[in-house]
């Protein structure tokens, strides 16, 4: 992937900053959950550091952790997405992914999975994919992967809520690959 143009960065900088701020407002709730299921000690916040640009929002005892929280309106998709602009640069060991409640005051569901397993499964073609462009929000092209597939091909360290239980939700038109 090539570097982003200055025009693109200028056009969408506020959008991306808003998305990052949204995910990070749940940081205390995320830390409390992941400390209990996957981590030996409380993570260190890497926000706005060089590690952050490599997909490591948090760090602890040799583990880099990516965090992504989506708004409730996207819950119907039940998919983890990778932006083309980040695919080759975002390399955390563990991924924390979830959805906020409809009023955006707390987390509604969350899954903590091994991102190294995800990369292996993705590269081996074990995950169904769908390519789309986000025309309304940021103009970025991205690939989505059903949470159900991630649950079946990656180590899961913990979850709460109903994330990824609905296999039928991912029988949307346009999925490529096998289950």
N, C-alpha and C. Protein backbone atom coordinates (compact mmCIF):
# COMPACT_ATOMS: atom_id res chain seq x y z
N UNK A 1 0.84 -1.18 0.00
CA UNK A 1 0.00 0.00 0.00
C UNK A 1 0.88 1.24 0.00
N UNK A 2 0.52 2.21 -0.76
CA UNK A 2 1.31 3.43 -0.83
C UNK A 2 0.90 4.40 0.27
N UNK A 3 1.75 5.39 0.50
CA UNK A 3 1.43 6.41 1.49
C UNK A 3 0.20 7.18 1.06
N UNK A 4 -0.53 7.68 2.04
CA UNK A 4 -1.72 8.46 1.75
C UNK A 4 -1.32 9.84 1.27
N UNK A 5 -2.06 10.35 0.31
CA UNK A 5 -1.76 11.67 -0.21
C UNK A 5 -2.06 12.73 0.86
N UNK A 6 -1.41 13.86 0.73
CA UNK A 6 -1.65 14.96 1.66
C UNK A 6 -3.10 15.45 1.56
N UNK A 7 -3.65 15.44 0.34
CA UNK A 7 -5.04 15.86 0.15
C UNK A 7 -6.00 14.94 0.92
N UNK A 8 -5.76 13.63 0.79
CA UNK A 8 -6.60 12.65 1.48
C UNK A 8 -6.51 12.85 2.99
N UNK A 9 -5.29 12.98 3.49
CA UNK A 9 -5.10 13.18 4.93
C UNK A 9 -5.82 14.44 5.41
N UNK A 10 -5.69 15.51 4.67
CA UNK A 10 -6.34 16.77 5.06
C UNK A 10 -7.86 16.63 5.04
N UNK A 11 -8.38 15.96 4.04
CA UNK A 11 -9.83 15.83 3.89
C UNK A 11 -10.45 15.01 5.02
N UNK A 12 -9.77 13.94 5.44
CA UNK A 12 -10.37 13.00 6.38
C UNK A 12 -9.75 13.00 7.78
N UNK A 13 -8.82 13.88 8.05
CA UNK A 13 -8.15 13.88 9.34
C UNK A 13 -9.14 13.99 10.50
N UNK A 14 -10.09 14.89 10.41
CA UNK A 14 -11.06 15.06 11.50
C UNK A 14 -11.95 13.83 11.66
N UNK A 15 -12.30 13.18 10.54
CA UNK A 15 -13.11 11.96 10.59
C UNK A 15 -12.36 10.89 11.37
N UNK A 16 -11.09 10.67 11.02
CA UNK A 16 -10.29 9.64 11.68
C UNK A 16 -10.06 9.98 13.15
N UNK A 17 -9.80 11.23 13.46
CA UNK A 17 -9.61 11.63 14.85
C UNK A 17 -10.88 11.37 15.66
N UNK A 18 -12.02 11.63 15.06
CA UNK A 18 -13.30 11.37 15.73
C UNK A 18 -13.51 9.88 15.99
N UNK A 19 -13.15 9.04 15.02
CA UNK A 19 -13.27 7.59 15.20
C UNK A 19 -12.35 7.09 16.31
N UNK A 20 -11.13 7.59 16.32
CA UNK A 20 -10.17 7.18 17.35
C UNK A 20 -10.67 7.63 18.73
N UNK A 21 -11.13 8.86 18.83
CA UNK A 21 -11.63 9.36 20.10
C UNK A 21 -12.83 8.54 20.58
N UNK A 22 -13.69 8.12 19.64
CA UNK A 22 -14.85 7.30 20.00
C UNK A 22 -14.39 5.97 20.61
N UNK A 23 -13.48 5.28 19.95
CA UNK A 23 -12.98 4.00 20.47
C UNK A 23 -12.33 4.18 21.84
N UNK A 24 -11.59 5.24 21.99
CA UNK A 24 -10.81 5.44 23.21
C UNK A 24 -11.63 5.87 24.41
N UNK A 25 -12.84 6.34 24.17
CA UNK A 25 -13.65 6.74 25.32
C UNK A 25 -14.07 5.53 26.15
N UNK A 26 -13.91 4.34 25.59
CA UNK A 26 -14.25 3.11 26.31
C UNK A 26 -13.02 2.44 26.92
N UNK A 27 -11.91 3.15 26.97
CA UNK A 27 -10.64 2.57 27.38
C UNK A 27 -10.68 1.93 28.77
N UNK A 28 -11.28 2.60 29.75
CA UNK A 28 -11.32 2.03 31.10
C UNK A 28 -12.10 0.72 31.12
N UNK A 29 -13.23 0.70 30.44
CA UNK A 29 -14.06 -0.52 30.37
C UNK A 29 -13.30 -1.64 29.66
N UNK A 30 -12.60 -1.31 28.59
CA UNK A 30 -11.81 -2.30 27.85
C UNK A 30 -10.67 -2.83 28.72
N UNK A 31 -9.93 -1.94 29.36
CA UNK A 31 -8.83 -2.38 30.22
C UNK A 31 -9.30 -3.32 31.31
N UNK A 32 -10.42 -3.00 31.93
CA UNK A 32 -10.95 -3.84 33.00
C UNK A 32 -11.29 -5.23 32.46
N UNK A 33 -11.88 -5.29 31.27
CA UNK A 33 -12.26 -6.59 30.71
C UNK A 33 -11.04 -7.40 30.27
N UNK A 34 -10.15 -6.80 29.50
CA UNK A 34 -9.04 -7.59 28.96
C UNK A 34 -8.03 -7.97 30.03
N UNK A 35 -7.91 -7.16 31.06
CA UNK A 35 -6.99 -7.51 32.15
C UNK A 35 -7.45 -8.81 32.81
N UNK A 36 -8.73 -9.04 32.83
CA UNK A 36 -9.27 -10.25 33.45
C UNK A 36 -9.23 -11.49 32.57
N UNK A 37 -9.13 -11.32 31.25
CA UNK A 37 -9.21 -12.50 30.37
C UNK A 37 -7.95 -12.82 29.60
N UNK A 38 -7.13 -11.85 29.29
CA UNK A 38 -6.03 -12.14 28.37
C UNK A 38 -4.67 -11.63 28.80
N UNK A 39 -4.63 -10.78 29.78
CA UNK A 39 -3.37 -10.09 30.04
C UNK A 39 -2.85 -10.32 31.45
N UNK A 40 -1.53 -10.43 31.58
CA UNK A 40 -0.95 -10.64 32.89
C UNK A 40 -0.95 -9.40 33.79
N UNK A 41 -0.98 -8.23 33.19
CA UNK A 41 -1.05 -7.01 33.99
C UNK A 41 -1.68 -5.89 33.17
N UNK A 42 -2.02 -4.82 33.86
CA UNK A 42 -2.72 -3.70 33.22
C UNK A 42 -1.92 -3.15 32.04
N UNK A 43 -2.59 -2.93 30.90
CA UNK A 43 -1.88 -2.41 29.73
C UNK A 43 -1.52 -0.93 29.85
N UNK A 44 -0.50 -0.55 29.09
CA UNK A 44 -0.05 0.83 28.99
C UNK A 44 -0.69 1.44 27.75
N UNK A 45 -1.16 2.65 27.86
CA UNK A 45 -1.81 3.35 26.77
C UNK A 45 -0.76 3.92 25.80
N UNK A 46 -0.83 3.53 24.52
CA UNK A 46 0.09 4.03 23.50
C UNK A 46 -0.51 5.12 22.62
N UNK A 47 -1.64 5.66 23.02
CA UNK A 47 -2.34 6.61 22.17
C UNK A 47 -1.46 7.78 21.77
N UNK A 48 -1.48 8.05 20.48
CA UNK A 48 -0.76 9.16 19.85
C UNK A 48 0.76 8.99 19.91
N UNK A 49 1.26 7.76 19.99
CA UNK A 49 2.69 7.48 19.95
C UNK A 49 3.02 6.76 18.64
N UNK A 50 4.29 6.59 18.30
CA UNK A 50 4.64 5.82 17.09
C UNK A 50 4.07 4.39 17.10
N UNK A 51 3.99 3.75 18.27
CA UNK A 51 3.40 2.41 18.35
C UNK A 51 1.94 2.44 17.91
N UNK A 52 1.26 3.51 18.26
CA UNK A 52 -0.15 3.66 17.91
C UNK A 52 -0.32 3.60 16.39
N UNK A 53 0.58 4.19 15.66
CA UNK A 53 0.49 4.21 14.20
C UNK A 53 0.70 2.82 13.60
N UNK A 54 1.23 1.88 14.39
CA UNK A 54 1.43 0.51 13.94
C UNK A 54 0.30 -0.40 14.43
N UNK A 55 -0.75 0.18 14.93
CA UNK A 55 -1.91 -0.60 15.36
C UNK A 55 -1.85 -1.06 16.80
N UNK A 56 -0.90 -0.57 17.57
CA UNK A 56 -0.78 -0.96 18.97
C UNK A 56 -1.30 0.17 19.85
N UNK A 57 -2.58 0.08 20.19
CA UNK A 57 -3.19 1.10 21.03
C UNK A 57 -2.78 0.94 22.49
N UNK A 58 -2.53 -0.32 22.89
CA UNK A 58 -2.13 -0.65 24.25
C UNK A 58 -0.97 -1.64 24.20
N UNK A 59 -0.17 -1.68 25.27
CA UNK A 59 0.93 -2.65 25.38
C UNK A 59 0.97 -3.21 26.78
N UNK A 60 1.40 -4.47 26.88
CA UNK A 60 1.67 -5.06 28.19
C UNK A 60 2.57 -6.27 28.02
N UNK A 61 3.56 -6.40 28.84
CA UNK A 61 4.44 -7.56 28.92
C UNK A 61 4.69 -8.22 27.57
N UNK A 62 5.22 -7.47 26.62
CA UNK A 62 5.58 -8.04 25.33
C UNK A 62 4.43 -8.24 24.36
N UNK A 63 3.24 -7.80 24.70
CA UNK A 63 2.10 -7.93 23.80
C UNK A 63 1.64 -6.55 23.34
N UNK A 64 1.38 -6.45 22.04
CA UNK A 64 0.83 -5.22 21.46
C UNK A 64 -0.65 -5.47 21.19
N UNK A 65 -1.50 -4.51 21.54
CA UNK A 65 -2.95 -4.70 21.50
C UNK A 65 -3.60 -3.61 20.66
N UNK A 66 -4.36 -4.03 19.66
CA UNK A 66 -5.15 -3.10 18.86
C UNK A 66 -6.55 -3.00 19.44
N UNK A 67 -7.15 -1.82 19.34
CA UNK A 67 -8.50 -1.60 19.87
C UNK A 67 -9.35 -0.94 18.81
N UNK A 68 -10.54 -1.48 18.60
CA UNK A 68 -11.47 -0.87 17.65
C UNK A 68 -12.89 -1.07 18.15
N UNK A 69 -13.57 0.02 18.41
CA UNK A 69 -14.96 -0.02 18.85
C UNK A 69 -15.79 0.70 17.79
N UNK A 70 -16.85 0.03 17.35
CA UNK A 70 -17.73 0.62 16.34
C UNK A 70 -19.03 1.07 16.98
N UNK A 71 -19.66 2.00 16.33
CA UNK A 71 -20.95 2.50 16.80
C UNK A 71 -22.03 1.42 16.61
N UNK A 72 -23.07 1.50 17.43
CA UNK A 72 -24.13 0.49 17.44
C UNK A 72 -24.81 0.34 16.07
N UNK A 73 -24.88 1.40 15.30
CA UNK A 73 -25.57 1.32 14.01
C UNK A 73 -24.89 0.34 13.04
N UNK A 74 -23.62 -0.02 13.31
CA UNK A 74 -22.91 -0.97 12.45
C UNK A 74 -22.98 -2.40 12.98
N UNK A 75 -23.65 -2.59 14.09
CA UNK A 75 -23.75 -3.91 14.73
C UNK A 75 -24.35 -4.96 13.80
N UNK A 76 -25.24 -4.55 12.94
CA UNK A 76 -25.92 -5.50 12.05
C UNK A 76 -24.95 -6.22 11.12
N UNK A 77 -23.79 -5.64 10.87
CA UNK A 77 -22.84 -6.27 9.96
C UNK A 77 -22.07 -7.42 10.61
N UNK A 78 -21.81 -7.33 11.90
CA UNK A 78 -21.02 -8.33 12.63
C UNK A 78 -19.77 -8.72 11.85
N UNK A 79 -19.00 -7.71 11.47
CA UNK A 79 -17.76 -8.00 10.76
C UNK A 79 -16.63 -7.10 11.27
N UNK A 80 -15.44 -7.64 11.18
CA UNK A 80 -14.22 -6.92 11.50
C UNK A 80 -13.70 -6.39 10.18
N UNK A 81 -13.33 -5.13 10.14
CA UNK A 81 -12.89 -4.54 8.87
C UNK A 81 -11.44 -4.08 8.96
N UNK A 82 -10.77 -4.18 7.81
CA UNK A 82 -9.41 -3.68 7.66
C UNK A 82 -9.41 -2.67 6.53
N UNK A 83 -9.01 -1.46 6.83
CA UNK A 83 -8.86 -0.44 5.79
C UNK A 83 -7.65 -0.78 4.94
N UNK A 84 -7.75 -0.57 3.65
CA UNK A 84 -6.61 -0.80 2.77
C UNK A 84 -5.40 0.01 3.22
N UNK A 85 -5.65 1.22 3.71
CA UNK A 85 -4.56 2.10 4.11
C UNK A 85 -3.82 1.59 5.35
N UNK A 86 -4.40 0.63 6.07
CA UNK A 86 -3.79 0.14 7.30
C UNK A 86 -3.36 -1.32 7.26
N UNK A 87 -3.82 -2.07 6.29
CA UNK A 87 -3.65 -3.53 6.28
C UNK A 87 -2.21 -3.99 6.53
N UNK A 88 -1.25 -3.36 5.91
CA UNK A 88 0.13 -3.81 6.02
C UNK A 88 0.90 -3.14 7.16
N UNK A 89 0.29 -2.16 7.81
CA UNK A 89 1.01 -1.46 8.87
C UNK A 89 0.45 -1.75 10.26
N UNK A 90 -0.75 -2.29 10.34
CA UNK A 90 -1.38 -2.57 11.62
C UNK A 90 -1.09 -4.01 12.02
N UNK A 91 -0.20 -4.21 12.97
CA UNK A 91 0.24 -5.57 13.31
C UNK A 91 0.21 -5.85 14.82
N UNK A 92 -0.91 -5.65 15.48
CA UNK A 92 -0.95 -5.98 16.91
C UNK A 92 -0.92 -7.50 17.11
N UNK A 93 -0.60 -7.93 18.32
CA UNK A 93 -0.65 -9.35 18.66
C UNK A 93 -2.07 -9.76 19.01
N UNK A 94 -2.77 -8.89 19.70
CA UNK A 94 -4.14 -9.14 20.15
C UNK A 94 -5.02 -8.01 19.64
N UNK A 95 -6.24 -8.35 19.27
CA UNK A 95 -7.21 -7.34 18.80
C UNK A 95 -8.40 -7.33 19.75
N UNK A 96 -8.80 -6.14 20.16
CA UNK A 96 -10.00 -5.94 20.95
C UNK A 96 -10.98 -5.24 20.02
N UNK A 97 -12.10 -5.91 19.75
CA UNK A 97 -13.06 -5.38 18.79
C UNK A 97 -14.46 -5.48 19.39
N UNK A 98 -15.24 -4.43 19.22
CA UNK A 98 -16.59 -4.50 19.77
C UNK A 98 -17.49 -3.40 19.27
N UNK A 99 -18.67 -3.37 19.88
CA UNK A 99 -19.69 -2.40 19.52
C UNK A 99 -20.17 -1.67 20.77
N UNK A 100 -20.44 -0.39 20.60
CA UNK A 100 -20.98 0.41 21.70
C UNK A 100 -22.48 0.17 21.82
N UNK A 101 -23.02 0.56 22.95
CA UNK A 101 -24.47 0.51 23.15
C UNK A 101 -25.13 1.56 22.26
N UNK A 102 -26.42 1.42 22.00
CA UNK A 102 -27.10 2.41 21.14
C UNK A 102 -26.96 3.86 21.61
N UNK A 103 -26.93 4.08 22.92
CA UNK A 103 -26.76 5.47 23.40
C UNK A 103 -25.28 5.86 23.52
N UNK A 104 -24.38 4.94 23.14
CA UNK A 104 -22.93 5.17 23.10
C UNK A 104 -22.33 5.49 24.47
N UNK A 105 -22.98 5.02 25.55
CA UNK A 105 -22.49 5.29 26.89
C UNK A 105 -21.63 4.16 27.45
N UNK A 106 -21.70 2.97 26.85
CA UNK A 106 -20.94 1.83 27.34
C UNK A 106 -20.77 0.83 26.20
N UNK A 107 -20.00 -0.21 26.47
CA UNK A 107 -19.81 -1.26 25.47
C UNK A 107 -20.99 -2.22 25.52
N UNK A 108 -21.45 -2.64 24.35
CA UNK A 108 -22.56 -3.58 24.24
C UNK A 108 -22.05 -5.00 24.06
N UNK A 109 -20.99 -5.17 23.27
CA UNK A 109 -20.39 -6.49 23.06
C UNK A 109 -18.93 -6.29 22.68
N UNK A 110 -18.14 -7.32 22.96
CA UNK A 110 -16.71 -7.22 22.76
C UNK A 110 -16.14 -8.61 22.53
N UNK A 111 -15.14 -8.69 21.67
CA UNK A 111 -14.41 -9.93 21.47
C UNK A 111 -12.92 -9.60 21.46
N UNK A 112 -12.13 -10.45 22.11
CA UNK A 112 -10.68 -10.28 22.16
C UNK A 112 -10.09 -11.49 21.46
N UNK A 113 -9.42 -11.26 20.33
CA UNK A 113 -8.89 -12.39 19.57
C UNK A 113 -7.42 -12.18 19.21
N UNK A 114 -6.79 -13.28 18.86
CA UNK A 114 -5.38 -13.26 18.51
C UNK A 114 -5.23 -12.74 17.08
N UNK A 115 -4.65 -11.57 16.94
CA UNK A 115 -4.53 -10.95 15.62
C UNK A 115 -3.49 -11.67 14.76
N UNK A 116 -2.53 -12.34 15.40
CA UNK A 116 -1.55 -13.13 14.64
C UNK A 116 -2.26 -14.29 13.95
N UNK A 117 -3.19 -14.95 14.67
CA UNK A 117 -3.99 -16.02 14.07
C UNK A 117 -4.85 -15.47 12.93
N UNK A 118 -5.39 -14.28 13.15
CA UNK A 118 -6.22 -13.64 12.12
C UNK A 118 -5.41 -13.44 10.84
N UNK A 119 -4.19 -12.91 10.96
CA UNK A 119 -3.36 -12.69 9.77
C UNK A 119 -3.05 -14.00 9.05
N UNK A 120 -2.76 -15.05 9.83
CA UNK A 120 -2.49 -16.37 9.23
C UNK A 120 -3.72 -16.89 8.50
N UNK A 121 -4.89 -16.82 9.13
CA UNK A 121 -6.13 -17.30 8.52
C UNK A 121 -6.48 -16.48 7.28
N UNK A 122 -6.31 -15.17 7.37
CA UNK A 122 -6.57 -14.29 6.22
C UNK A 122 -5.65 -14.65 5.06
N UNK A 123 -4.36 -14.78 5.34
CA UNK A 123 -3.39 -15.08 4.29
C UNK A 123 -3.57 -16.47 3.70
N UNK A 124 -4.14 -17.40 4.48
CA UNK A 124 -4.39 -18.76 3.99
C UNK A 124 -5.73 -18.87 3.27
N UNK A 125 -6.51 -17.78 3.23
CA UNK A 125 -7.80 -17.80 2.55
C UNK A 125 -8.90 -18.50 3.34
N UNK A 126 -8.75 -18.60 4.65
CA UNK A 126 -9.73 -19.30 5.48
C UNK A 126 -10.91 -18.43 5.89
N UNK A 127 -10.79 -17.13 5.70
CA UNK A 127 -11.85 -16.21 6.09
C UNK A 127 -12.59 -15.70 4.86
N UNK A 128 -13.90 -15.69 4.94
CA UNK A 128 -14.67 -15.07 3.86
C UNK A 128 -14.39 -13.57 3.87
N UNK A 129 -14.43 -12.97 2.71
CA UNK A 129 -14.13 -11.54 2.61
C UNK A 129 -15.18 -10.83 1.77
N UNK A 130 -15.26 -9.56 1.97
CA UNK A 130 -16.08 -8.70 1.13
C UNK A 130 -15.39 -7.35 1.04
N UNK A 131 -15.16 -6.87 -0.18
CA UNK A 131 -14.51 -5.57 -0.40
C UNK A 131 -15.59 -4.52 -0.62
N UNK A 132 -15.40 -3.39 0.06
CA UNK A 132 -16.36 -2.29 -0.09
C UNK A 132 -15.62 -0.97 0.05
N UNK A 133 -16.30 0.07 -0.37
CA UNK A 133 -15.76 1.41 -0.18
C UNK A 133 -16.71 2.18 0.71
N UNK A 134 -16.15 2.86 1.68
CA UNK A 134 -16.94 3.68 2.57
C UNK A 134 -17.09 5.05 1.92
N UNK A 135 -18.16 5.22 1.19
CA UNK A 135 -18.35 6.47 0.43
C UNK A 135 -18.83 7.63 1.29
N UNK A 136 -19.58 7.32 2.34
CA UNK A 136 -20.15 8.39 3.17
C UNK A 136 -19.17 8.91 4.22
N UNK A 137 -18.39 8.03 4.78
CA UNK A 137 -17.62 8.39 5.97
C UNK A 137 -16.21 8.87 5.66
N UNK A 138 -15.44 8.06 4.91
CA UNK A 138 -14.03 8.42 4.72
C UNK A 138 -13.51 8.16 3.32
N UNK A 139 -14.31 7.55 2.48
CA UNK A 139 -13.86 7.27 1.13
C UNK A 139 -12.89 6.10 1.02
N UNK A 140 -12.54 5.49 2.14
CA UNK A 140 -11.53 4.43 2.15
C UNK A 140 -12.12 3.10 1.65
N UNK A 141 -11.29 2.34 0.97
CA UNK A 141 -11.63 0.97 0.59
C UNK A 141 -11.24 0.07 1.75
N UNK A 142 -12.06 -0.95 2.00
CA UNK A 142 -11.77 -1.86 3.11
C UNK A 142 -12.25 -3.27 2.78
N UNK A 143 -11.75 -4.21 3.54
CA UNK A 143 -12.18 -5.60 3.44
C UNK A 143 -12.82 -5.97 4.76
N UNK A 144 -13.98 -6.64 4.70
CA UNK A 144 -14.62 -7.09 5.92
C UNK A 144 -14.54 -8.61 6.03
N UNK A 145 -14.50 -9.05 7.28
CA UNK A 145 -14.38 -10.47 7.63
C UNK A 145 -15.43 -10.78 8.69
N UNK A 146 -16.27 -11.78 8.47
CA UNK A 146 -17.30 -12.11 9.47
C UNK A 146 -16.69 -12.49 10.81
N UNK A 147 -17.25 -11.96 11.88
CA UNK A 147 -16.79 -12.32 13.23
C UNK A 147 -16.92 -13.84 13.42
N UNK A 148 -17.96 -14.44 12.85
CA UNK A 148 -18.15 -15.89 12.97
C UNK A 148 -16.91 -16.63 12.46
N UNK A 149 -16.36 -16.20 11.33
CA UNK A 149 -15.17 -16.85 10.78
C UNK A 149 -13.96 -16.64 11.69
N UNK A 150 -13.83 -15.45 12.23
CA UNK A 150 -12.72 -15.16 13.14
C UNK A 150 -12.83 -16.07 14.37
N UNK A 151 -14.03 -16.23 14.90
CA UNK A 151 -14.22 -17.11 16.06
C UNK A 151 -13.81 -18.54 15.74
N UNK A 152 -14.00 -18.96 14.50
CA UNK A 152 -13.69 -20.34 14.12
C UNK A 152 -12.24 -20.57 13.73
N UNK A 153 -11.48 -19.51 13.47
CA UNK A 153 -10.10 -19.68 12.98
C UNK A 153 -9.04 -18.98 13.83
N UNK A 154 -9.46 -18.32 14.89
CA UNK A 154 -8.50 -17.57 15.72
C UNK A 154 -8.68 -17.93 17.19
N UNK A 155 -7.62 -17.80 17.95
CA UNK A 155 -7.72 -17.97 19.40
C UNK A 155 -8.56 -16.81 19.93
N UNK A 156 -9.57 -17.15 20.73
CA UNK A 156 -10.43 -16.15 21.35
C UNK A 156 -10.08 -16.10 22.83
N UNK A 157 -9.68 -14.94 23.31
CA UNK A 157 -9.28 -14.79 24.70
C UNK A 157 -10.46 -14.45 25.60
N UNK A 158 -11.51 -13.91 25.02
CA UNK A 158 -12.68 -13.58 25.80
C UNK A 158 -13.68 -12.80 24.97
N UNK A 159 -14.91 -12.77 25.44
CA UNK A 159 -15.95 -11.99 24.78
C UNK A 159 -17.08 -11.76 25.76
N UNK A 160 -17.91 -10.78 25.46
CA UNK A 160 -19.18 -10.63 26.14
C UNK A 160 -20.18 -10.06 25.16
N UNK A 161 -21.45 -10.22 25.49
CA UNK A 161 -22.50 -9.84 24.55
C UNK A 161 -22.72 -10.97 23.56
N UNK A 162 -23.37 -10.66 22.48
CA UNK A 162 -23.72 -11.70 21.50
C UNK A 162 -22.90 -11.61 20.23
N UNK A 163 -21.75 -10.98 20.29
CA UNK A 163 -20.94 -10.77 19.10
C UNK A 163 -20.52 -12.10 18.46
N UNK A 164 -20.78 -12.22 17.17
CA UNK A 164 -20.30 -13.36 16.41
C UNK A 164 -21.09 -14.63 16.52
N UNK A 165 -22.20 -14.64 17.22
CA UNK A 165 -22.95 -15.88 17.37
C UNK A 165 -23.87 -16.14 16.20
N UNK A 166 -24.16 -15.14 15.41
CA UNK A 166 -25.17 -15.27 14.36
C UNK A 166 -24.55 -15.55 13.02
N UNK A 167 -24.28 -16.81 12.75
CA UNK A 167 -23.64 -17.20 11.49
C UNK A 167 -24.48 -16.74 10.28
N UNK A 168 -25.79 -16.86 10.39
CA UNK A 168 -26.65 -16.50 9.26
C UNK A 168 -26.54 -15.02 8.88
N UNK A 169 -26.14 -14.17 9.80
CA UNK A 169 -25.99 -12.75 9.47
C UNK A 169 -24.92 -12.53 8.42
N UNK A 170 -24.01 -13.47 8.30
CA UNK A 170 -22.90 -13.30 7.39
C UNK A 170 -23.11 -14.02 6.08
N UNK A 171 -24.33 -14.35 5.76
CA UNK A 171 -24.63 -14.95 4.46
C UNK A 171 -25.09 -13.86 3.50
N UNK A 172 -24.50 -12.69 3.63
CA UNK A 172 -24.83 -11.58 2.75
C UNK A 172 -24.33 -11.85 1.35
N UNK A 173 -24.95 -11.23 0.42
CA UNK A 173 -24.50 -11.28 -0.96
C UNK A 173 -23.11 -10.68 -1.06
N UNK A 174 -22.27 -11.29 -1.87
CA UNK A 174 -20.98 -10.71 -2.14
C UNK A 174 -19.82 -11.28 -1.34
N UNK A 175 -20.08 -12.17 -0.36
CA UNK A 175 -18.97 -12.77 0.38
C UNK A 175 -18.20 -13.69 -0.52
N UNK A 176 -16.89 -13.64 -0.43
CA UNK A 176 -16.02 -14.52 -1.20
C UNK A 176 -15.26 -15.41 -0.25
N UNK A 177 -14.98 -16.65 -0.68
CA UNK A 177 -14.24 -17.58 0.16
C UNK A 177 -15.14 -18.61 0.78
N UNK A 178 -14.53 -19.50 1.54
CA UNK A 178 -15.30 -20.58 2.16
C UNK A 178 -15.36 -20.41 3.65
N UNK A 179 -16.23 -21.18 4.25
CA UNK A 179 -16.38 -21.15 5.70
C UNK A 179 -15.62 -22.31 6.28
